[in-house]
PDB file of N, CA and C in Angstrom:
ATOM      1  N   MET A   1      27.466   0.737   6.514  1.00  0.00           N
ATOM      2  CA  MET A   1      27.044   0.314   5.053  1.00  0.00           C
ATOM      3  C   MET A   1      26.938   1.446   4.234  1.00  0.00           C
ATOM      4  N   LEU A   2      26.807   1.368   3.392  1.00  0.00           N
ATOM      5  CA  LEU A   2      26.350   2.441   1.728  1.00  0.00           C
ATOM      6  C   LEU A   2      24.998   2.031   1.531  1.00  0.00           C
ATOM      7  N   PHE A   3      24.543   3.183   1.272  1.00  0.00           N
ATOM      8  CA  PHE A   3      22.712   2.906   0.904  1.00  0.00           C
ATOM      9  C   PHE A   3      23.090   2.395  -0.570  1.00  0.00           C
ATOM     10  N   SER A   4      22.259   1.297  -1.115  1.00  0.00           N
ATOM     11  CA  SER A   4      22.893   1.141  -2.657  1.00  0.00           C
ATOM     12  C   SER A   4      20.852   1.784  -3.244  1.00  0.00           C
ATOM     13  N   LEU A   5      21.113   2.178  -4.282  1.00  0.00           N
ATOM     14  CA  LEU A   5      19.350   2.303  -5.379  1.00  0.00           C
ATOM     15  C   LEU A   5      18.971   0.885  -5.480  1.00  0.00           C
ATOM     16  N   GLU A   6      19.475  -0.787  -4.986  1.00  0.00           N
ATOM     17  CA  GLU A   6      18.562  -1.421  -5.181  1.00  0.00           C
ATOM     18  C   GLU A   6      17.661  -1.755  -3.744  1.00  0.00           C
ATOM     19  N   MET A   7      18.153  -0.724  -2.968  1.00  0.00           N
ATOM     20  CA  MET A   7      17.820  -0.834  -1.254  1.00  0.00           C
ATOM     21  C   MET A   7      16.457   0.062  -1.033  1.00  0.00           C
ATOM     22  N   LYS A   8      16.327   1.212  -2.098  1.00  0.00           N
ATOM     23  CA  LYS A   8      15.830   2.337  -2.223  1.00  0.00           C
ATOM     24  C   LYS A   8      13.947   1.607  -2.259  1.00  0.00           C
ATOM     25  N   LYS A   9      13.484   2.261  -1.069  1.00  0.00           N
ATOM     26  CA  LYS A   9      12.003   1.516  -1.606  1.00  0.00           C
ATOM     27  C   LYS A   9      11.008   3.230  -1.910  1.00  0.00           C
ATOM     28  N   GLU A  10       9.912   2.935  -2.892  1.00  0.00           N
ATOM     29  CA  GLU A  10       9.053   3.909  -3.051  1.00  0.00           C
ATOM     30  C   GLU A  10       8.097   4.354  -1.872  1.00  0.00           C
ATOM     31  N   TYR A  11       8.055   4.878  -1.055  1.00  0.00           N
ATOM     32  CA  TYR A  11       6.952   4.947  -0.325  1.00  0.00           C
ATOM     33  C   TYR A  11       5.445   6.287  -0.790  1.00  0.00           C
ATOM     34  N   LEU A  12       4.361   6.110  -0.670  1.00  0.00           N
ATOM     35  CA  LEU A  12       3.323   6.560  -0.764  1.00  0.00           C
ATOM     36  C   LEU A  12       3.108   7.584   0.343  1.00  0.00           C
ATOM     37  N   THR A  13       1.728   8.406   0.302  1.00  0.00           N
ATOM     38  CA  THR A  13       1.515   9.045   0.700  1.00  0.00           C
ATOM     39  C   THR A  13      -0.044   8.745   0.930  1.00  0.00           C
ATOM     40  N   LYS A  14      -1.295   9.331   1.846  1.00  0.00           N
ATOM     41  CA  LYS A  14      -2.591   8.233   1.756  1.00  0.00           C
ATOM     42  C   LYS A  14      -3.437   8.797   0.585  1.00  0.00           C
ATOM     43  N   LYS A  15      -2.783  10.315   0.170  1.00  0.00           N
ATOM     44  CA  LYS A  15      -2.964  10.816  -1.284  1.00  0.00           C
ATOM     45  C   LYS A  15      -3.078  10.564  -2.291  1.00  0.00           C
ATOM     46  N   ASP A  16      -1.310   9.946  -1.987  1.00  0.00           N
ATOM     47  CA  ASP A  16      -0.643   8.817  -3.357  1.00  0.00           C
ATOM     48  C   ASP A  16      -1.316   8.035  -3.489  1.00  0.00           C
ATOM     49  N   LEU A  17      -1.627   7.660  -2.803  1.00  0.00           N
ATOM     50  CA  LEU A  17      -2.189   5.901  -2.852  1.00  0.00           C
ATOM     51  C   LEU A  17      -4.095   5.695  -3.010  1.00  0.00           C
ATOM     52  N   GLN A  18      -4.132   6.986  -2.705  1.00  0.00           N
ATOM     53  CA  GLN A  18      -5.952   6.503  -3.205  1.00  0.00           C
ATOM     54  C   GLN A  18      -5.522   7.324  -4.738  1.00  0.00           C
ATOM     55  N   ALA A  19      -5.063   8.010  -5.330  1.00  0.00           N
ATOM     56  CA  ALA A  19      -4.677   8.375  -6.997  1.00  0.00           C
ATOM     57  C   ALA A  19      -3.943   7.283  -7.379  1.00  0.00           C
ATOM     58  N   TYR A  20      -3.391   6.149  -6.955  1.00  0.00           N
ATOM     59  CA  TYR A  20      -2.732   5.114  -7.372  1.00  0.00           C
ATOM     60  C   TYR A  20      -3.709   4.114  -7.761  1.00  0.00           C
ATOM     61  N   LEU A  21      -4.743   3.502  -5.995  1.00  0.00           N
ATOM     62  CA  LEU A  21      -5.610   2.789  -6.204  1.00  0.00           C
ATOM     63  C   LEU A  21      -7.123   3.238  -7.276  1.00  0.00           C
ATOM     64  N   LYS A  22      -7.551   4.768  -7.538  1.00  0.00           N
ATOM     65  CA  LYS A  22      -8.791   5.160  -7.629  1.00  0.00           C
ATOM     66  C   LYS A  22      -9.393   4.762  -6.165  1.00  0.00           C
ATOM     67  N   ILE A  23      -9.171   5.046  -5.060  1.00  0.00           N
ATOM     68  CA  ILE A  23     -10.227   4.933  -3.958  1.00  0.00           C
ATOM     69  C   ILE A  23     -10.588   5.751  -3.365  1.00  0.00           C
ATOM     70  N   SER A  24     -11.507   5.924  -2.575  1.00  0.00           N
ATOM     71  CA  SER A  24     -11.151   7.082  -1.889  1.00  0.00           C
ATOM     72  C   SER A  24     -10.922   7.354   0.067  1.00  0.00           C
ATOM     73  N   PRO A  25     -10.845   7.953   0.700  1.00  0.00           N
ATOM     74  CA  PRO A  25     -10.305   8.264   1.673  1.00  0.00           C
ATOM     75  C   PRO A  25     -10.293   7.429   2.537  1.00  0.00           C
ATOM     76  N   ALA A  26     -11.734   7.486   2.567  1.00  0.00           N
ATOM     77  CA  ALA A  26     -12.771   5.922   3.436  1.00  0.00           C
ATOM     78  C   ALA A  26     -12.499   4.826   3.678  1.00  0.00           C
ATOM     79  N   THR A  27     -11.690   4.273   2.119  1.00  0.00           N
ATOM     80  CA  THR A  27     -11.478   3.195   1.200  1.00  0.00           C
ATOM     81  C   THR A  27      -9.534   2.792   1.999  1.00  0.00           C
ATOM     82  N   VAL A  28      -9.317   3.554   2.449  1.00  0.00           N
ATOM     83  CA  VAL A  28      -7.716   3.791   2.573  1.00  0.00           C
ATOM     84  C   VAL A  28      -7.699   3.565   3.874  1.00  0.00           C
ATOM     85  N   ASN A  29      -8.392   3.684   5.070  1.00  0.00           N
ATOM     86  CA  ASN A  29      -8.727   4.134   6.076  1.00  0.00           C
ATOM     87  C   ASN A  29      -8.747   2.050   6.636  1.00  0.00           C
ATOM     88  N   ARG A  30     -10.230   2.326   5.973  1.00  0.00           N
ATOM     89  CA  ARG A  30     -11.089   0.931   6.143  1.00  0.00           C
ATOM     90  C   ARG A  30      -9.802  -0.450   5.678  1.00  0.00           C
ATOM     91  N   LEU A  31      -8.863  -0.129   4.391  1.00  0.00           N
ATOM     92  CA  LEU A  31      -7.638  -1.137   4.225  1.00  0.00           C
ATOM     93  C   LEU A  31      -7.227  -1.923   5.037  1.00  0.00           C
ATOM     94  N   MET A  32      -6.315   0.188   5.613  1.00  0.00           N
ATOM     95  CA  MET A  32      -5.874  -0.116   6.572  1.00  0.00           C
ATOM     96  C   MET A  32      -6.175  -1.186   7.695  1.00  0.00           C
ATOM     97  N   LEU A  33      -7.019  -0.512   8.401  1.00  0.00           N
ATOM     98  CA  LEU A  33      -8.270  -1.509   9.424  1.00  0.00           C
ATOM     99  C   LEU A  33      -7.676  -2.882   9.291  1.00  0.00           C
ATOM    100  N   GLU A  34      -8.599  -3.272   8.224  1.00  0.00           N
ATOM    101  CA  GLU A  34      -7.987  -4.883   7.775  1.00  0.00           C
ATOM    102  C   GLU A  34      -6.443  -5.298   7.321  1.00  0.00           C
ATOM    103  N   GLY A  35      -5.229  -4.392   7.368  1.00  0.00           N
ATOM    104  CA  GLY A  35      -4.224  -5.199   7.433  1.00  0.00           C
ATOM    105  C   GLY A  35      -3.630  -4.424   6.729  1.00  0.00           C
ATOM    106  N   LEU A  36      -3.664  -3.510   5.859  1.00  0.00           N
ATOM    107  CA  LEU A  36      -2.930  -2.771   4.873  1.00  0.00           C
ATOM    108  C   LEU A  36      -1.549  -2.248   5.533  1.00  0.00           C
ATOM    109  N   PRO A  37      -0.648  -2.449   4.279  1.00  0.00           N
ATOM    110  CA  PRO A  37       0.953  -2.506   5.450  1.00  0.00           C
ATOM    111  C   PRO A  37       0.873  -0.458   5.396  1.00  0.00           C
ATOM    112  N   HIS A  38       0.983  -0.585   6.225  1.00  0.00           N
ATOM    113  CA  HIS A  38       1.642   1.337   6.337  1.00  0.00           C
ATOM    114  C   HIS A  38       3.102   1.465   7.418  1.00  0.00           C
ATOM    115  N   VAL A  39       2.854   2.659   7.191  1.00  0.00           N
ATOM    116  CA  VAL A  39       3.789   3.001   8.495  1.00  0.00           C
ATOM    117  C   VAL A  39       3.816   4.581   8.904  1.00  0.00           C
ATOM    118  N   LYS A  40       3.388   4.512  10.284  1.00  0.00           N
ATOM    119  CA  LYS A  40       3.044   5.789  10.865  1.00  0.00           C
ATOM    120  C   LYS A  40       4.450   6.812  11.202  1.00  0.00           C
ATOM    121  N   LEU A  41       4.468   8.210  10.739  1.00  0.00           N
ATOM    122  CA  LEU A  41       5.261   8.496  11.523  1.00  0.00           C
ATOM    123  C   LEU A  41       5.370  10.192  11.771  1.00  0.00           C
ATOM    124  N   LYS A  42       4.615  10.040  13.391  1.00  0.00           N
ATOM    125  CA  LYS A  42       4.203  11.363  14.204  1.00  0.00           C
ATOM    126  C   LYS A  42       2.770  11.233  13.472  1.00  0.00           C
ATOM    127  N   ARG A  43       2.089  12.301  12.667  1.00  0.00           N
ATOM    128  CA  ARG A  43       0.969  12.611  12.342  1.00  0.00           C
ATOM    129  C   ARG A  43       0.422  11.810  10.848  1.00  0.00           C
ATOM    130  N   ARG A  44       2.155  11.478   9.922  1.00  0.00           N
ATOM    131  CA  ARG A  44       1.809  11.006   8.577  1.00  0.00           C
ATOM    132  C   ARG A  44       2.522   9.577   8.383  1.00  0.00           C
ATOM    133  N   VAL A  45       1.498   9.446   7.292  1.00  0.00           N
ATOM    134  CA  VAL A  45       1.105   7.421   7.479  1.00  0.00           C
ATOM    135  C   VAL A  45       1.840   7.928   5.855  1.00  0.00           C
ATOM    136  N   LEU A  46       2.423   6.636   5.411  1.00  0.00           N
ATOM    137  CA  LEU A  46       3.439   6.326   4.559  1.00  0.00           C
ATOM    138  C   LEU A  46       3.227   4.464   4.223  1.00  0.00           C
ATOM    139  N   PHE A  47       3.232   4.385   2.707  1.00  0.00           N
ATOM    140  CA  PHE A  47       3.050   2.980   2.397  1.00  0.00           C
ATOM    141  C   PHE A  47       4.072   2.915   1.399  1.00  0.00           C
ATOM    142  N   ARG A  48       4.436   1.772   1.717  1.00  0.00           N
ATOM    143  CA  ARG A  48       5.403   1.456   0.674  1.00  0.00           C
ATOM    144  C   ARG A  48       5.144   0.695  -0.613  1.00  0.00           C
ATOM    145  N   LEU A  49       4.974   0.971  -1.574  1.00  0.00           N
ATOM    146  CA  LEU A  49       4.354   0.350  -2.708  1.00  0.00           C
ATOM    147  C   LEU A  49       5.085  -1.156  -3.081  1.00  0.00           C
ATOM    148  N   ASP A  50       5.786  -1.584  -2.852  1.00  0.00           N
ATOM    149  CA  ASP A  50       5.179  -2.548  -3.179  1.00  0.00           C
ATOM    150  C   ASP A  50       4.967  -3.482  -2.212  1.00  0.00           C
ATOM    151  N   LEU A  51       5.040  -3.497  -0.954  1.00  0.00           N
ATOM    152  CA  LEU A  51       3.993  -4.456   0.203  1.00  0.00           C
ATOM    153  C   LEU A  51       2.769  -3.744  -0.351  1.00  0.00           C
ATOM    154  N   VAL A  52       2.379  -2.575  -0.894  1.00  0.00           N
ATOM    155  CA  VAL A  52       1.129  -2.521  -0.660  1.00  0.00           C
ATOM    156  C   VAL A  52       0.535  -3.445  -1.602  1.00  0.00           C
ATOM    157  N   ASP A  53       0.991  -3.903  -3.059  1.00  0.00           N
ATOM    158  CA  ASP A  53       1.047  -4.648  -4.407  1.00  0.00           C
ATOM    159  C   ASP A  53       1.135  -6.303  -3.810  1.00  0.00           C
ATOM    160  N   LYS A  54       1.584  -6.341  -2.617  1.00  0.00           N
ATOM    161  CA  LYS A  54       1.971  -7.814  -2.440  1.00  0.00           C
ATOM    162  C   LYS A  54       0.796  -8.000  -1.629  1.00  0.00           C
ATOM    163  N   TRP A  55       0.356  -7.385  -0.734  1.00  0.00           N
ATOM    164  CA  TRP A  55      -0.375  -7.379   0.313  1.00  0.00           C
ATOM    165  C   TRP A  55      -1.780  -7.541  -0.943  1.00  0.00           C
ATOM    166  N   LEU A  56      -2.181  -6.658  -2.300  1.00  0.00           N
ATOM    167  CA  LEU A  56      -2.764  -6.777  -2.700  1.00  0.00           C
ATOM    168  C   LEU A  56      -3.154  -7.557  -3.694  1.00  0.00           C
ATOM    169  N   GLU A  57      -2.135  -8.701  -4.059  1.00  0.00           N
ATOM    170  CA  GLU A  57      -2.306  -9.913  -4.704  1.00  0.00           C
ATOM    171  C   GLU A  57      -2.267 -11.006  -4.106  1.00  0.00           C
ATOM    172  N   ALA A  58      -2.722 -10.837  -2.609  1.00  0.00           N
ATOM    173  CA  ALA A  58      -2.493 -12.093  -2.063  1.00  0.00           C
ATOM    174  C   ALA A  58      -4.078 -11.998  -2.255  1.00  0.00           C
ATOM    175  N   ARG A  59      -4.678 -10.969  -2.182  1.00  0.00           N
ATOM    176  CA  ARG A  59      -5.535 -10.675  -2.014  1.00  0.00           C
ATOM    177  C   ARG A  59      -6.669 -10.800  -3.124  1.00  0.00           C
ATOM    178  N   MET A  60      -6.003 -11.704  -4.710  1.00  0.00           N
ATOM    179  CA  MET A  60      -6.436 -11.597  -5.252  1.00  0.00           C
ATOM    180  C   MET A  60      -7.584 -12.292  -5.812  1.00  0.00           C
ATOM    181  N   VAL A  61      -9.170 -12.075  -6.033  1.00  0.00           N
ATOM    182  CA  VAL A  61      -9.758 -13.161  -6.096  1.00  0.00           C
ATOM    183  C   VAL A  61      -9.874 -13.888  -7.530  1.00  0.00           C
ATOM    184  N   ARG A  62     -10.098 -15.295  -7.941  1.00  0.00           N
ATOM    185  CA  ARG A  62      -9.728 -15.814  -8.899  1.00  0.00           C
ATOM    186  C   ARG A  62     -10.957 -16.050  -9.508  1.00  0.00           C
ATOM    187  N   ALA A  63     -11.470 -15.403 -10.699  1.00  0.00           N
ATOM    188  CA  ALA A  63     -12.851 -15.943 -11.324  1.00  0.00           C
ATOM    189  C   ALA A  63     -12.877 -17.482 -11.503  1.00  0.00           C
ATOM    190  N   LYS A  64     -14.365 -18.067 -11.131  1.00  0.00           N
ATOM    191  CA  LYS A  64     -14.284 -19.269 -11.374  1.00  0.00           C
ATOM    192  C   LYS A  64     -14.202 -19.741 -12.480  1.00  0.00           C
ATOM    193  N   LYS A  65     -14.244 -20.575 -12.557  1.00  0.00           N
ATOM    194  CA  LYS A  65     -14.530 -21.875 -14.293  1.00  0.00           C
ATOM    195  C   LYS A  65     -16.007 -22.265 -14.199  1.00  0.00           C
ATOM    196  N   SER A  66     -16.634 -22.152 -15.001  1.00  0.00           N
ATOM    197  CA  SER A  66     -18.150 -22.656 -15.664  1.00  0.00           C
ATOM    198  C   SER A  66     -18.012 -24.092 -15.572  1.00  0.00           C
TER     199      SER A  66
END
């Protein structure tokens, strides 16, 4: 099977994810414990951007109407 550009997924390191979400390293670790999707490759942790966005979207809090 040939690799197509449509199959390509963007992966972020922990540091990249911190910058993307503007959060601390401790918050990234806490979110991982809460189920934030990630891949561990030996000592390296990677996050697939599309899965992170979907995970966060599923936790979106909607404002209550008064």
